[in-house]
Amino acid sequence: MGSINHSEVPSKQTAIIADDQGGLTVSNNAPVAALEPDSILLRTAAVALNPVDYKTRAPPFAEPGCLCGSDLAGTIVELGTQYIGVVGHVVLRVPQHLSFEEAASMGTGIATASLALFRSLGVPGYPGEPAGGQTKILIYSGSSATGTMAIQLAKLSGITVITTCSPSNNKLVELYGADFLINYKSPSAIADIKRITGNSLKFVLDCISSGPTMEFYYQYIGRTSGRYTRLEPYPESLAKSKPLVKRKADVDAKEWAFKYYATIQDLLNTAQLKPHPISVSEGFNSIISGLEAVERGKVSGTKLVVRIPE
């Protein structure tokens, strides 16, 4: 990757920021990030759009003027969104076989699926260190970007993957390695899952995370109990059923990320992790229109990516 001198980095840039109406707007006068000691500065070449981007564009997550976005790929600037400061230990080098657009689509999917599988669910095995036995996992919405990444990581860990999707996306999830496909609208879906798992399913990753999907899962999780995790907060009624819900800070997470991202870099370098199919547009206004499409549920089986102008 090339680099530029500190003196060549502008103090202002064009970026997507939160406005004062709870939306997003293009600013041509946004400040370039001030770096923390463990950060690096990237000149962004492409960004990918995620549901979290529109869900966190207003208070309490973002104040007016705040830079918005989560997935990107670009060139490192010589320092210890056109320019974005990121934490160095979770930055991955783009292999030659991936374009900036493909690379931009992978970051959040890798982080989310990895934390869900190996930290939250605690599935046995690890990428490159397959689990023994006959471990099975159900991944709901395997055709989503996080779903296809979770399928790949689970398979690399020696786990048998059952996934739900619409029949139109069957070939997609098979391409990424799913072993069993379930039509979530089928009347026999629950019976099919119990048959495949011998009524002993222990791990469920919910990439949709709606109320109905959670109720659905508890009908087929194994009779000896299991673990369920989702990408969204739990329903308010459930969250309020206990007066206090808390967990200890995960003090080992940073050290785990250092080691784990080295493994992910090896998988990327050897093309063992594939990006989700992408649809590419260009320009800052495409970010806003693309997020509107994501919010309206108009995107299926593909990841929206936007090239950032020079």
Protein backbone atom coordinates (compact mmCIF):
# COMPACT_ATOMS: atom_id res chain seq x y z
CA MET A 1 0.00 0.00 0.00
CA GLY A 2 1.23 3.51 -0.73
CA SER A 3 1.52 6.27 1.80
CA ILE A 4 1.61 10.03 1.89
CA ASN A 5 3.32 12.47 4.18
CA HIS A 6 1.53 14.00 7.13
CA SER A 7 1.81 17.42 5.49
CA GLU A 8 -0.24 16.16 2.54
CA VAL A 9 -3.22 15.12 4.67
CA PRO A 10 -5.92 17.81 4.52
CA SER A 11 -7.58 19.12 7.64
CA LYS A 12 -11.04 18.89 6.02
CA GLN A 13 -12.72 16.27 3.84
CA THR A 14 -15.96 15.22 2.17
CA ALA A 15 -17.88 12.75 4.35
CA ILE A 16 -21.30 11.45 5.35
CA ILE A 17 -22.33 12.98 8.66
CA ALA A 18 -25.37 12.89 10.93
CA ASP A 19 -27.64 15.90 10.46
CA ASP A 20 -29.84 17.59 13.08
CA GLN A 21 -32.99 15.83 11.85
CA GLY A 22 -31.92 12.27 12.65
CA GLY A 23 -30.77 11.63 9.08
CA LEU A 24 -27.59 11.69 7.03
CA THR A 25 -26.13 14.34 4.75
CA VAL A 26 -23.02 14.96 2.65
CA SER A 27 -20.58 17.46 4.16
CA ASN A 28 -17.67 18.98 2.24
CA ASN A 29 -16.20 20.43 5.42
CA ALA A 30 -15.89 17.47 7.81
CA PRO A 31 -12.71 17.31 9.91
CA VAL A 32 -10.14 14.60 9.23
CA ALA A 33 -9.94 12.26 12.20
CA ALA A 34 -7.52 12.98 15.03
CA LEU A 35 -5.74 9.72 15.75
CA GLU A 36 -5.40 7.82 19.01
CA PRO A 37 -2.00 6.23 19.75
CA ASP A 38 -3.14 2.75 18.63
CA SER A 39 -4.84 3.96 15.42
CA ILE A 40 -3.85 4.40 11.81
CA LEU A 41 -5.22 6.73 9.14
CA LEU A 42 -6.75 5.37 5.94
CA ARG A 43 -7.64 7.14 2.74
CA THR A 44 -10.93 5.47 1.85
CA ALA A 45 -11.34 3.86 -1.56
CA ALA A 46 -14.67 2.09 -1.00
CA VAL A 47 -17.30 1.67 1.71
CA ALA A 48 -19.94 -0.99 2.27
CA LEU A 49 -23.39 -0.29 3.67
CA ASN A 50 -24.78 -2.05 6.75
CA PRO A 51 -28.07 -1.88 8.68
CA VAL A 52 -26.15 -0.54 11.68
CA ASP A 53 -25.30 2.57 9.65
CA TYR A 54 -28.90 3.80 9.54
CA LYS A 55 -29.75 2.45 12.99
CA THR A 56 -27.03 4.56 14.65
CA ARG A 57 -27.38 7.83 12.73
CA ALA A 58 -29.20 9.72 15.52
CA PRO A 59 -28.90 10.22 19.30
CA PRO A 60 -27.99 8.52 21.55
CA PHE A 61 -25.59 6.88 19.06
CA ALA A 62 -24.63 9.91 16.96
CA GLU A 63 -24.83 13.65 17.48
CA PRO A 64 -25.19 16.13 14.58
CA GLY A 65 -21.89 16.39 12.71
CA CYS A 66 -20.71 12.92 13.70
CA LEU A 67 -19.08 10.84 10.92
CA CYS A 68 -21.17 7.80 10.06
CA GLY A 69 -20.26 4.40 8.63
CA SER A 70 -18.56 1.15 9.60
CA ASP A 71 -17.13 -0.82 6.63
CA LEU A 72 -14.31 0.45 4.43
CA ALA A 73 -11.16 -0.36 2.49
CA GLY A 74 -8.42 2.04 1.50
CA THR A 75 -4.78 2.99 1.56
CA ILE A 76 -2.74 3.54 4.72
CA VAL A 77 -1.54 7.09 5.29
CA GLU A 78 1.85 7.44 7.00
CA LEU A 79 0.58 8.24 10.48
CA GLY A 80 0.79 6.36 13.99
CA THR A 81 -14.82 9.46 4.81
CA GLN A 82 -12.14 10.17 2.77
CA TYR A 83 -9.71 9.87 5.64
CA ILE A 84 -10.73 7.65 8.57
CA GLY A 85 -8.93 6.77 11.80
CA VAL A 86 -9.22 3.08 12.68
CA VAL A 87 -7.84 0.88 15.45
CA GLY A 88 -4.74 -0.83 14.09
CA HIS A 89 -5.16 -4.34 15.53
CA VAL A 90 -8.44 -4.94 13.66
CA VAL A 91 -7.17 -3.71 10.28
CA LEU A 92 -6.61 -6.37 7.62
CA ARG A 93 -4.33 -6.06 4.60
CA VAL A 94 -6.19 -6.39 1.29
CA PRO A 95 -4.81 -9.40 -0.66
CA GLN A 96 -4.03 -8.90 -4.34
CA HIS A 97 -6.91 -11.13 -5.43
CA LEU A 98 -9.50 -8.84 -3.78
CA SER A 99 -10.59 -5.44 -5.05
CA PHE A 100 -11.08 -2.54 -2.67
CA GLU A 101 -14.83 -2.92 -3.23
CA GLU A 102 -14.81 -6.61 -2.28
CA ALA A 103 -12.58 -5.97 0.72
CA ALA A 104 -14.80 -3.15 1.98
CA SER A 105 -17.74 -5.56 2.10
CA MET A 106 -16.07 -8.01 4.50
CA GLY A 107 -15.01 -6.15 7.66
CA THR A 108 -18.21 -5.97 9.68
CA GLY A 109 -19.27 -9.44 8.55
CA ILE A 110 -15.99 -10.94 9.76
CA ALA A 111 -16.13 -9.16 13.12
CA THR A 112 -19.82 -9.81 13.76
CA ALA A 113 -19.83 -13.47 12.74
CA SER A 114 -16.60 -14.16 14.62
CA LEU A 115 -17.77 -12.60 17.88
CA ALA A 116 -21.13 -14.35 17.61
CA LEU A 117 -19.65 -17.79 16.92
CA PHE A 118 -16.53 -17.89 19.06
CA ARG A 119 -17.20 -15.40 21.88
CA SER A 120 -20.98 -15.37 22.38
CA LEU A 121 -22.01 -18.91 21.41
CA GLY A 122 -18.65 -20.46 22.23
CA VAL A 123 -18.85 -23.07 19.48
CA PRO A 124 -16.15 -25.76 19.56
CA GLY A 125 -13.33 -25.60 17.05
CA TYR A 126 -11.68 -22.64 15.38
CA PRO A 127 -10.84 -21.69 11.81
CA GLY A 128 -8.00 -24.01 10.85
CA GLU A 129 -8.51 -26.05 14.04
CA PRO A 130 -11.64 -28.11 13.28
CA ALA A 131 -13.85 -29.39 16.06
CA GLY A 132 -14.16 -33.10 16.60
CA GLY A 133 -17.51 -34.86 16.88
CA GLN A 134 -20.69 -33.92 15.08
CA THR A 135 -21.33 -30.32 16.14
CA LYS A 136 -24.19 -28.65 14.26
CA ILE A 137 -25.25 -25.01 14.14
CA LEU A 138 -28.36 -23.35 12.75
CA ILE A 139 -27.68 -20.01 11.04
CA TYR A 140 -30.89 -18.14 10.37
CA SER A 141 -30.76 -16.07 7.16
CA GLY A 142 -27.67 -17.67 5.66
CA SER A 143 -28.04 -15.55 2.51
CA SER A 144 -27.30 -12.31 4.39
CA ALA A 145 -23.76 -10.91 4.33
CA THR A 146 -23.20 -11.91 7.95
CA GLY A 147 -24.84 -15.26 7.24
CA THR A 148 -22.48 -16.22 4.41
CA MET A 149 -19.48 -15.18 6.51
CA ALA A 150 -20.74 -17.19 9.50
CA ILE A 151 -21.26 -20.23 7.26
CA GLN A 152 -17.66 -20.05 6.03
CA LEU A 153 -16.17 -19.58 9.50
CA ALA A 154 -18.26 -22.41 10.94
CA LYS A 155 -17.24 -24.78 8.13
CA LEU A 156 -13.57 -23.87 8.59
CA SER A 157 -14.06 -24.83 12.25
CA GLY A 158 -15.38 -28.29 11.39
CA ILE A 159 -19.04 -27.55 12.17
CA THR A 160 -22.02 -28.82 10.18
CA VAL A 161 -24.15 -25.87 9.04
CA ILE A 162 -27.92 -25.81 8.75
CA THR A 163 -29.26 -22.55 7.38
CA THR A 164 -32.58 -20.96 6.54
CA CYS A 165 -33.16 -18.94 3.39
CA SER A 166 -35.71 -18.46 0.66
CA PRO A 167 -35.50 -21.01 -2.20
CA SER A 168 -34.27 -18.26 -4.53
CA ASN A 169 -31.06 -18.04 -2.46
CA ASN A 170 -30.38 -21.79 -2.18
CA LYS A 171 -27.51 -21.75 -4.70
CA LEU A 172 -25.92 -18.80 -2.91
CA VAL A 173 -25.72 -20.47 0.51
CA GLU A 174 -24.59 -23.75 -1.05
CA LEU A 175 -21.73 -21.85 -2.71
CA TYR A 176 -20.56 -20.70 0.72
CA GLY A 177 -20.67 -24.20 2.18
CA ALA A 178 -24.04 -24.75 3.90
CA ASP A 179 -24.76 -28.46 4.47
CA PHE A 180 -28.54 -28.35 4.95
CA LEU A 181 -30.98 -25.76 3.58
CA ILE A 182 -34.33 -25.00 5.20
CA ASN A 183 -37.10 -22.93 3.65
CA TYR A 184 -38.11 -20.82 6.64
CA LYS A 185 -41.66 -20.52 5.26
CA SER A 186 -42.16 -24.28 4.95
CA PRO A 187 -44.72 -25.83 7.33
CA SER A 188 -42.23 -28.64 7.94
CA ALA A 189 -39.29 -26.37 8.81
CA ILE A 190 -39.27 -27.16 12.54
CA ALA A 191 -39.72 -30.88 11.98
CA ASP A 192 -36.96 -30.87 9.35
CA ILE A 193 -34.50 -29.19 11.72
CA LYS A 194 -35.32 -31.61 14.54
CA ARG A 195 -34.84 -34.54 12.16
CA ILE A 196 -31.46 -33.26 10.92
CA THR A 197 -30.20 -32.59 14.45
CA GLY A 198 -31.78 -35.56 16.19
CA ASN A 199 -33.58 -33.01 18.36
CA SER A 200 -30.22 -32.09 19.91
CA LEU A 201 -29.42 -28.70 18.37
CA LYS A 202 -27.13 -26.72 20.69
CA PHE A 203 -26.13 -23.61 18.73
CA VAL A 204 -28.29 -21.02 16.95
CA LEU A 205 -27.10 -17.77 15.32
CA ASP A 206 -29.96 -15.44 14.38
CA CYS A 207 -28.92 -12.99 11.65
CA ILE A 208 -32.45 -11.50 11.38
CA SER A 209 -33.21 -11.06 15.08
CA SER A 210 -36.91 -10.25 14.97
CA GLY A 211 -39.42 -11.30 17.62
CA PRO A 212 -40.91 -14.10 15.46
CA THR A 213 -37.49 -15.58 14.65
CA MET A 214 -36.65 -15.85 18.34
CA GLU A 215 -39.94 -17.63 19.06
CA PHE A 216 -39.27 -19.91 16.10
CA TYR A 217 -35.87 -20.95 17.46
CA TYR A 218 -37.09 -22.01 20.84
CA GLN A 219 -39.34 -24.56 19.18
CA TYR A 220 -36.44 -26.57 17.81
CA ILE A 221 -33.46 -25.96 20.05
CA GLY A 222 -32.38 -29.28 21.54
CA ARG A 223 -34.33 -30.98 24.30
CA THR A 224 -31.19 -30.84 26.47
CA SER A 225 -31.01 -27.04 25.98
CA GLY A 226 -28.61 -24.99 23.89
CA ARG A 227 -27.29 -21.49 23.18
CA TYR A 228 -28.92 -18.79 21.08
CA THR A 229 -27.43 -15.45 20.05
CA ARG A 230 -28.77 -12.66 17.85
CA LEU A 231 -27.39 -9.58 16.14
CA GLU A 232 -30.01 -7.19 17.51
CA PRO A 233 -31.06 -6.36 21.09
CA TYR A 234 -33.52 -8.76 22.68
CA PRO A 235 -37.23 -7.82 22.68
CA GLU A 236 -38.09 -5.12 25.21
CA SER A 237 -40.57 -7.39 27.01
CA LEU A 238 -37.84 -9.98 27.58
CA ALA A 239 -35.27 -7.40 28.61
CA LYS A 240 -37.70 -6.09 31.25
CA SER A 241 -38.54 -9.53 32.64
CA LYS A 242 -35.50 -9.30 34.94
CA PRO A 243 -34.83 -6.22 37.10
CA LEU A 244 -31.08 -6.31 36.39
CA VAL A 245 -29.22 -7.71 33.41
CA LYS A 246 -25.45 -7.35 33.32
CA ARG A 247 -22.21 -9.06 32.39
CA LYS A 248 -18.59 -8.58 33.26
CA ALA A 249 -16.36 -6.59 30.92
CA ASP A 250 -14.58 -8.85 28.45
CA VAL A 251 -11.03 -7.93 29.41
CA ASP A 252 -9.55 -10.60 27.12
CA ALA A 253 -11.32 -9.40 23.97
CA LYS A 254 -8.49 -7.18 22.70
CA GLU A 255 -5.83 -9.85 23.15
CA TRP A 256 -8.14 -12.36 21.47
CA ALA A 257 -8.61 -9.97 18.54
CA PHE A 258 -4.84 -9.62 18.05
CA LYS A 259 -4.44 -13.38 17.68
CA TYR A 260 -7.70 -14.02 15.85
CA TYR A 261 -7.19 -11.36 13.19
CA ALA A 262 -3.82 -12.91 12.35
CA THR A 263 -5.74 -16.11 11.56
CA ILE A 264 -8.27 -14.18 9.50
CA GLN A 265 -5.45 -12.51 7.54
CA ASP A 266 -4.08 -15.96 6.64
CA LEU A 267 -7.54 -17.09 5.50
CA LEU A 268 -7.90 -13.99 3.34
CA ASN A 269 -4.43 -14.37 1.85
CA THR A 270 -5.19 -17.95 0.83
CA ALA A 271 -8.69 -17.12 -0.48
CA GLN A 272 -10.38 -19.38 2.08
CA LEU A 273 -12.81 -16.57 2.95
CA LYS A 274 -14.91 -15.22 0.11
CA PRO A 275 -16.75 -11.88 0.03
CA HIS A 276 -20.51 -11.74 -0.24
CA PRO A 277 -21.81 -10.82 -3.73
CA ILE A 278 -21.58 -7.04 -4.13
CA SER A 279 -23.44 -4.34 -6.05
CA VAL A 280 -21.22 -1.31 -6.69
CA SER A 281 -22.18 2.34 -7.21
CA GLU A 282 -20.15 5.54 -6.89
CA GLY A 283 -20.28 8.83 -5.02
CA PHE A 284 -21.35 10.07 -1.62
CA ASN A 285 -25.00 10.51 -2.57
CA SER A 286 -25.10 6.79 -3.44
CA ILE A 287 -24.33 6.06 0.21
CA ILE A 288 -27.46 7.88 1.36
CA SER A 289 -29.74 6.36 -1.31
CA GLY A 290 -28.23 2.92 -0.71
CA LEU A 291 -28.88 3.07 3.03
CA GLU A 292 -32.47 4.07 2.30
CA ALA A 293 -32.80 0.89 0.21
CA VAL A 294 -31.29 -1.20 3.02
CA GLU A 295 -33.66 0.36 5.55
CA ARG A 296 -36.69 -0.38 3.35
CA GLY A 297 -35.66 -4.03 3.01
CA LYS A 298 -35.03 -3.73 -0.73
CA VAL A 299 -31.64 -5.49 -0.65
CA SER A 300 -31.41 -9.31 -0.70
CA GLY A 301 -28.52 -11.65 -1.47
CA THR A 302 -26.09 -8.81 -2.19
CA LYS A 303 -24.01 -6.21 -0.36
CA LEU A 304 -24.16 -2.57 -1.44
CA VAL A 305 -20.72 -1.01 -1.91
CA VAL A 306 -19.87 2.56 -2.91
CA ARG A 307 -16.63 3.77 -4.50
CA ILE A 308 -15.31 6.98 -2.97
CA PRO A 309 -14.13 9.59 -5.51
CA GLU A 310 -10.46 10.61 -5.51
